[in-house]
Amino acid sequence: MFRLLGASTVAALALTACVTINVYFPAAEAREAAKEFVEKVLDQAAQPAKPEGGGGGMAMELPRFDPLMLIGIAPAHAQSQPDFNIKTPAITAIQARMEQRFDSALRPHFDTGALGFTEDGLVVVRDAAALQLKDRVPVNNAVADENRDRKAVYREIAVANGHPEWEGQIRSVFAKQWVDSAKSGWWYQRGGAWKQK
């Protein structure tokens, strides 16, 4: 009898010690931060200033059902939401380089259709024939620098928020935002094909 009681006590303690921590990717906050970042780089932001103290239009995410809840074991959830609007020195420096490069070296070639946005959040020379011969090397160098900075910013945002594993999701959110914020007439990839906005 004591052996059975001891075994059930140990089993109950083991079950209550099991805690699941679910950390959900906050897509809405990532989209908002991507929009702010991208529009600043593209110099199209005509945003009203955000009030201090934040009105927080965040949608509340309900916890998922866990069958262990039926026997009294509730999953634990991370309490803090990542702040995708974080301004680390690394992210700010990358953004400043991207703004300067976009105005001086990339924008004219998006306007002519020589450059386009890829599905994975990068820039590519879409039509080399649209570039003058003298511009090809400088534009290719600018595109390489831009893509290096884009990869770095996606990684930096993930790391700054304590979740390096989110880099792919952040890249996807930004890839969509580059296209959404693009000017009419610019080119982008969708489903492996080039489309004009």
C-alpha atoms as a PDB file:
ATOM      1  CA  MET A   1       0.000   0.000   0.000  1.00  0.00           C
ATOM      2  CA  PHE A   2       2.776   2.444   0.961  1.00  0.00           C
ATOM      3  CA  ARG A   3       4.692   1.482  -2.167  1.00  0.00           C
ATOM      4  CA  LEU A   4       1.661   2.293  -4.361  1.00  0.00           C
ATOM      5  CA  LEU A   5       1.049   5.584  -2.531  1.00  0.00           C
ATOM      6  CA  GLY A   6       4.746   6.544  -2.886  1.00  0.00           C
ATOM      7  CA  ALA A   7       4.748   5.736  -6.611  1.00  0.00           C
ATOM      8  CA  SER A   8       1.615   7.802  -7.238  1.00  0.00           C
ATOM      9  CA  THR A   9       3.041  10.738  -5.258  1.00  0.00           C
ATOM     10  CA  VAL A  10       6.256  10.651  -7.300  1.00  0.00           C
ATOM     11  CA  ALA A  11       4.249  10.415 -10.552  1.00  0.00           C
ATOM     12  CA  ALA A  12       2.067  13.369  -9.531  1.00  0.00           C
ATOM     13  CA  LEU A  13       5.108  15.465  -8.647  1.00  0.00           C
ATOM     14  CA  ALA A  14       6.773  14.571 -11.949  1.00  0.00           C
ATOM     15  CA  LEU A  15       3.673  15.598 -13.912  1.00  0.00           C
ATOM     16  CA  THR A  16       3.323  18.934 -12.113  1.00  0.00           C
ATOM     17  CA  ALA A  17       7.010  19.666 -12.672  1.00  0.00           C
ATOM     18  CA  CYS A  18       6.531  19.453 -16.454  1.00  0.00           C
ATOM     19  CA  VAL A  19       6.074  22.961 -17.773  1.00  0.00           C
ATOM     20  CA  THR A  20       5.706  23.894 -21.416  1.00  0.00           C
ATOM     21  CA  ILE A  21       6.850  27.346 -22.400  1.00  0.00           C
ATOM     22  CA  ASN A  22       5.243  28.528 -25.609  1.00  0.00           C
ATOM     23  CA  VAL A  23       6.805  31.558 -27.278  1.00  0.00           C
ATOM     24  CA  TYR A  24       4.678  32.742 -30.181  1.00  0.00           C
ATOM     25  CA  PHE A  25       6.049  34.866 -33.002  1.00  0.00           C
ATOM     26  CA  PRO A  26       4.241  38.225 -32.664  1.00  0.00           C
ATOM     27  CA  ALA A  27       3.508  38.725 -36.354  1.00  0.00           C
ATOM     28  CA  ALA A  28       1.415  41.892 -35.952  1.00  0.00           C
ATOM     29  CA  GLU A  29       4.193  43.696 -34.083  1.00  0.00           C
ATOM     30  CA  ALA A  30       6.762  42.468 -36.625  1.00  0.00           C
ATOM     31  CA  ARG A  31       4.635  43.798 -39.514  1.00  0.00           C
ATOM     32  CA  GLU A  32       4.276  47.187 -37.842  1.00  0.00           C
ATOM     33  CA  ALA A  33       8.028  47.433 -37.195  1.00  0.00           C
ATOM     34  CA  ALA A  34       8.853  46.269 -40.747  1.00  0.00           C
ATOM     35  CA  LYS A  35       6.561  48.938 -42.202  1.00  0.00           C
ATOM     36  CA  GLU A  36       8.197  51.677 -40.146  1.00  0.00           C
ATOM     37  CA  PHE A  37      11.715  50.470 -41.035  1.00  0.00           C
ATOM     38  CA  VAL A  38      11.058  49.943 -44.770  1.00  0.00           C
ATOM     39  CA  GLU A  39       9.217  53.208 -45.304  1.00  0.00           C
ATOM     40  CA  LYS A  40      12.039  55.097 -43.627  1.00  0.00           C
ATOM     41  CA  VAL A  41      14.566  53.432 -45.955  1.00  0.00           C
ATOM     42  CA  LEU A  42      12.420  54.073 -49.027  1.00  0.00           C
ATOM     43  CA  ASP A  43      11.749  57.623 -47.777  1.00  0.00           C
ATOM     44  CA  GLN A  44       8.033  57.265 -48.267  1.00  0.00           C
ATOM     45  CA  ALA A  45       6.988  57.484 -44.656  1.00  0.00           C
ATOM     46  CA  ALA A  46       4.353  60.117 -44.159  1.00  0.00           C
ATOM     47  CA  GLN A  47       3.439  58.775 -40.755  1.00  0.00           C
ATOM     48  CA  PRO A  48       1.897  60.820 -37.990  1.00  0.00           C
ATOM     49  CA  ALA A  49       3.943  60.831 -34.830  1.00  0.00           C
ATOM     50  CA  LYS A  50       3.015  58.019 -32.462  1.00  0.00           C
ATOM     51  CA  PRO A  51       1.773  59.177 -29.084  1.00  0.00           C
ATOM     52  CA  GLU A  52       4.048  58.418 -26.174  1.00  0.00           C
ATOM     53  CA  GLY A  53       2.837  55.805 -23.765  1.00  0.00           C
ATOM     54  CA  GLY A  54       1.371  53.809 -26.659  1.00  0.00           C
ATOM     55  CA  GLY A  55      -2.298  53.199 -27.194  1.00  0.00           C
ATOM     56  CA  GLY A  56      -1.319  49.582 -27.861  1.00  0.00           C
ATOM     57  CA  GLY A  57      -3.686  48.319 -30.494  1.00  0.00           C
ATOM     58  CA  MET A  58      -2.285  44.832 -29.905  1.00  0.00           C
ATOM     59  CA  ALA A  59      -4.642  41.951 -30.388  1.00  0.00           C
ATOM     60  CA  MET A  60      -4.709  39.583 -27.473  1.00  0.00           C
ATOM     61  CA  GLU A  61      -3.614  36.078 -28.365  1.00  0.00           C
ATOM     62  CA  LEU A  62      -5.520  33.365 -26.573  1.00  0.00           C
ATOM     63  CA  PRO A  63      -3.575  30.418 -25.160  1.00  0.00           C
ATOM     64  CA  ARG A  64      -3.819  27.156 -27.044  1.00  0.00           C
ATOM     65  CA  PHE A  65      -5.617  24.203 -25.527  1.00  0.00           C
ATOM     66  CA  ASP A  66      -3.331  21.696 -23.851  1.00  0.00           C
ATOM     67  CA  PRO A  67      -4.854  18.331 -22.803  1.00  0.00           C
ATOM     68  CA  LEU A  68      -2.759  18.397 -19.610  1.00  0.00           C
ATOM     69  CA  MET A  69      -4.959  21.290 -18.480  1.00  0.00           C
ATOM     70  CA  LEU A  70      -7.717  18.718 -17.858  1.00  0.00           C
ATOM     71  CA  ILE A  71      -5.701  17.225 -15.004  1.00  0.00           C
ATOM     72  CA  GLY A  72      -4.627  20.557 -13.561  1.00  0.00           C
ATOM     73  CA  ILE A  73      -1.303  21.165 -15.339  1.00  0.00           C
ATOM     74  CA  ALA A  74      -1.418  24.484 -17.146  1.00  0.00           C
ATOM     75  CA  PRO A  75       1.197  25.479 -19.711  1.00  0.00           C
ATOM     76  CA  ALA A  76       3.376  28.464 -18.892  1.00  0.00           C
ATOM     77  CA  HIS A  77       3.590  31.261 -21.440  1.00  0.00           C
ATOM     78  CA  ALA A  78       6.292  33.841 -21.895  1.00  0.00           C
ATOM     79  CA  GLN A  79       4.997  37.033 -20.340  1.00  0.00           C
ATOM     80  CA  SER A  80       6.907  39.683 -22.252  1.00  0.00           C
ATOM     81  CA  GLN A  81       6.216  40.521 -25.888  1.00  0.00           C
ATOM     82  CA  PRO A  82       9.274  41.276 -28.020  1.00  0.00           C
ATOM     83  CA  ASP A  83       9.616  44.915 -29.003  1.00  0.00           C
ATOM     84  CA  PHE A  84      10.207  44.922 -32.754  1.00  0.00           C
ATOM     85  CA  ASN A  85      10.562  48.698 -32.698  1.00  0.00           C
ATOM     86  CA  ILE A  86      13.772  48.342 -30.729  1.00  0.00           C
ATOM     87  CA  LYS A  87      16.491  50.727 -31.821  1.00  0.00           C
ATOM     88  CA  THR A  88      19.801  49.045 -31.153  1.00  0.00           C
ATOM     89  CA  PRO A  89      22.948  50.826 -32.351  1.00  0.00           C
ATOM     90  CA  ALA A  90      23.564  48.037 -34.894  1.00  0.00           C
ATOM     91  CA  ILE A  91      20.042  48.232 -36.373  1.00  0.00           C
ATOM     92  CA  THR A  92      20.129  52.043 -36.497  1.00  0.00           C
ATOM     93  CA  ALA A  93      23.525  52.025 -38.248  1.00  0.00           C
ATOM     94  CA  ILE A  94      22.334  49.488 -40.833  1.00  0.00           C
ATOM     95  CA  GLN A  95      19.164  51.479 -41.479  1.00  0.00           C
ATOM     96  CA  ALA A  96      21.151  54.700 -42.018  1.00  0.00           C
ATOM     97  CA  ARG A  97      23.438  52.972 -44.552  1.00  0.00           C
ATOM     98  CA  MET A  98      20.437  51.517 -46.373  1.00  0.00           C
ATOM     99  CA  GLU A  99      18.680  54.918 -46.561  1.00  0.00           C
ATOM    100  CA  GLN A 100      21.765  56.606 -47.983  1.00  0.00           C
ATOM    101  CA  ARG A 101      22.439  53.791 -50.471  1.00  0.00           C
ATOM    102  CA  PHE A 102      18.846  53.613 -51.625  1.00  0.00           C
ATOM    103  CA  ASP A 103      18.703  57.319 -52.460  1.00  0.00           C
ATOM    104  CA  SER A 104      22.115  57.548 -54.074  1.00  0.00           C
ATOM    105  CA  ALA A 105      22.542  54.216 -55.873  1.00  0.00           C
ATOM    106  CA  LEU A 106      19.390  52.079 -56.004  1.00  0.00           C
ATOM    107  CA  ARG A 107      16.238  54.197 -56.449  1.00  0.00           C
ATOM    108  CA  PRO A 108      16.988  55.331 -60.034  1.00  0.00           C
ATOM    109  CA  HIS A 109      17.441  51.706 -61.097  1.00  0.00           C
ATOM    110  CA  PHE A 110      14.205  50.589 -59.446  1.00  0.00           C
ATOM    111  CA  ASP A 111      12.545  53.406 -61.403  1.00  0.00           C
ATOM    112  CA  THR A 112      13.959  52.110 -64.736  1.00  0.00           C
ATOM    113  CA  GLY A 113      13.078  48.489 -63.932  1.00  0.00           C
ATOM    114  CA  ALA A 114      16.678  47.278 -63.775  1.00  0.00           C
ATOM    115  CA  LEU A 115      16.301  46.226 -60.118  1.00  0.00           C
ATOM    116  CA  GLY A 116      13.617  44.273 -58.327  1.00  0.00           C
ATOM    117  CA  PHE A 117      12.706  42.860 -54.926  1.00  0.00           C
ATOM    118  CA  THR A 118      13.083  39.096 -54.504  1.00  0.00           C
ATOM    119  CA  GLU A 119      10.688  36.842 -52.615  1.00  0.00           C
ATOM    120  CA  ASP A 120      13.232  36.395 -49.828  1.00  0.00           C
ATOM    121  CA  GLY A 121      13.571  40.081 -48.949  1.00  0.00           C
ATOM    122  CA  LEU A 122      16.621  40.914 -51.061  1.00  0.00           C
ATOM    123  CA  VAL A 123      17.371  43.044 -54.142  1.00  0.00           C
ATOM    124  CA  VAL A 124      18.527  41.689 -57.498  1.00  0.00           C
ATOM    125  CA  VAL A 125      19.504  43.048 -60.897  1.00  0.00           C
ATOM    126  CA  ARG A 126      16.394  42.001 -62.786  1.00  0.00           C
ATOM    127  CA  ASP A 127      17.258  43.476 -66.182  1.00  0.00           C
ATOM    128  CA  ALA A 128      20.960  44.175 -66.776  1.00  0.00           C
ATOM    129  CA  ALA A 129      20.152  45.570 -70.232  1.00  0.00           C
ATOM    130  CA  ALA A 130      18.352  48.467 -68.516  1.00  0.00           C
ATOM    131  CA  LEU A 131      21.674  49.523 -66.960  1.00  0.00           C
ATOM    132  CA  GLN A 132      24.185  51.619 -68.848  1.00  0.00           C
ATOM    133  CA  LEU A 133      27.542  49.890 -69.193  1.00  0.00           C
ATOM    134  CA  LYS A 134      29.247  52.434 -66.887  1.00  0.00           C
ATOM    135  CA  ASP A 135      26.637  51.743 -64.164  1.00  0.00           C
ATOM    136  CA  ARG A 136      26.824  47.942 -64.089  1.00  0.00           C
ATOM    137  CA  VAL A 137      29.755  47.489 -61.693  1.00  0.00           C
ATOM    138  CA  PRO A 138      28.671  50.228 -59.230  1.00  0.00           C
ATOM    139  CA  VAL A 139      25.067  48.953 -59.223  1.00  0.00           C
ATOM    140  CA  ASN A 140      26.170  45.333 -58.699  1.00  0.00           C
ATOM    141  CA  ASN A 141      28.361  46.492 -55.789  1.00  0.00           C
ATOM    142  CA  ALA A 142      25.488  48.511 -54.307  1.00  0.00           C
ATOM    143  CA  VAL A 143      23.155  45.510 -54.627  1.00  0.00           C
ATOM    144  CA  ALA A 144      25.710  43.256 -52.882  1.00  0.00           C
ATOM    145  CA  ASP A 145      26.126  45.800 -50.051  1.00  0.00           C
ATOM    146  CA  GLU A 146      22.343  46.193 -49.769  1.00  0.00           C
ATOM    147  CA  ASN A 147      21.766  42.447 -49.526  1.00  0.00           C
ATOM    148  CA  ARG A 148      24.505  42.087 -46.918  1.00  0.00           C
ATOM    149  CA  ASP A 149      22.822  44.807 -44.823  1.00  0.00           C
ATOM    150  CA  ARG A 150      19.360  43.303 -45.300  1.00  0.00           C
ATOM    151  CA  LYS A 151      20.524  39.893 -44.075  1.00  0.00           C
ATOM    152  CA  ALA A 152      22.261  41.584 -41.149  1.00  0.00           C
ATOM    153  CA  VAL A 153      19.178  43.589 -40.139  1.00  0.00           C
ATOM    154  CA  TYR A 154      16.919  40.518 -40.198  1.00  0.00           C
ATOM    155  CA  ARG A 155      19.420  38.701 -37.980  1.00  0.00           C
ATOM    156  CA  GLU A 156      19.939  41.711 -35.673  1.00  0.00           C
ATOM    157  CA  ILE A 157      16.201  42.165 -35.078  1.00  0.00           C
ATOM    158  CA  ALA A 158      15.823  38.475 -34.194  1.00  0.00           C
ATOM    159  CA  VAL A 159      18.835  38.563 -31.864  1.00  0.00           C
ATOM    160  CA  ALA A 160      17.822  41.896 -30.284  1.00  0.00           C
ATOM    161  CA  ASN A 161      14.481  40.326 -29.392  1.00  0.00           C
ATOM    162  CA  GLY A 162      16.124  37.282 -27.828  1.00  0.00           C
ATOM    163  CA  HIS A 163      14.900  34.841 -30.502  1.00  0.00           C
ATOM    164  CA  PRO A 164      17.522  34.180 -33.193  1.00  0.00           C
ATOM    165  CA  GLU A 165      15.280  31.365 -34.453  1.00  0.00           C
ATOM    166  CA  TRP A 166      12.803  34.023 -35.672  1.00  0.00           C
ATOM    167  CA  GLU A 167      15.171  35.284 -38.369  1.00  0.00           C
ATOM    168  CA  GLY A 168      13.331  33.439 -41.161  1.00  0.00           C
ATOM    169  CA  GLN A 169       9.940  34.736 -40.044  1.00  0.00           C
ATOM    170  CA  ILE A 170      11.280  38.279 -39.764  1.00  0.00           C
ATOM    171  CA  ARG A 171      12.768  37.986 -43.258  1.00  0.00           C
ATOM    172  CA  SER A 172       9.363  36.863 -44.621  1.00  0.00           C
ATOM    173  CA  VAL A 173       7.561  39.777 -42.979  1.00  0.00           C
ATOM    174  CA  PHE A 174      10.119  42.236 -44.381  1.00  0.00           C
ATOM    175  CA  ALA A 175      10.031  40.634 -47.856  1.00  0.00           C
ATOM    176  CA  LYS A 176       6.298  41.302 -48.056  1.00  0.00           C
ATOM    177  CA  GLN A 177       6.703  44.842 -46.714  1.00  0.00           C
ATOM    178  CA  TRP A 178       9.360  45.829 -49.301  1.00  0.00           C
ATOM    179  CA  VAL A 179       6.804  44.996 -51.999  1.00  0.00           C
ATOM    180  CA  ASP A 180       3.880  46.621 -50.179  1.00  0.00           C
ATOM    181  CA  SER A 181       5.857  49.863 -49.786  1.00  0.00           C
ATOM    182  CA  ALA A 182       7.273  49.839 -53.327  1.00  0.00           C
ATOM    183  CA  LYS A 183       6.335  52.591 -55.759  1.00  0.00           C
ATOM    184  CA  SER A 184       3.988  51.861 -58.617  1.00  0.00           C
ATOM    185  CA  GLY A 185       6.021  50.553 -61.564  1.00  0.00           C
ATOM    186  CA  TRP A 186       8.706  48.827 -59.476  1.00  0.00           C
ATOM    187  CA  TRP A 187       9.305  45.086 -60.005  1.00  0.00           C
ATOM    188  CA  TYR A 188       9.056  42.239 -57.515  1.00  0.00           C
ATOM    189  CA  GLN A 189       9.093  38.434 -57.544  1.00  0.00           C
ATOM    190  CA  ARG A 190       6.052  36.382 -56.632  1.00  0.00           C
ATOM    191  CA  GLY A 191       5.852  32.635 -57.187  1.00  0.00           C
ATOM    192  CA  GLY A 192       9.143  32.687 -59.117  1.00  0.00           C
ATOM    193  CA  ALA A 193       7.800  35.174 -61.719  1.00  0.00           C
ATOM    194  CA  TRP A 194       8.479  38.890 -62.054  1.00  0.00           C
ATOM    195  CA  LYS A 195       5.541  41.248 -61.621  1.00  0.00           C
ATOM    196  CA  GLN A 196       5.266  44.998 -61.864  1.00  0.00           C
ATOM    197  CA  LYS A 197       3.478  46.873 -59.132  1.00  0.00           C
END
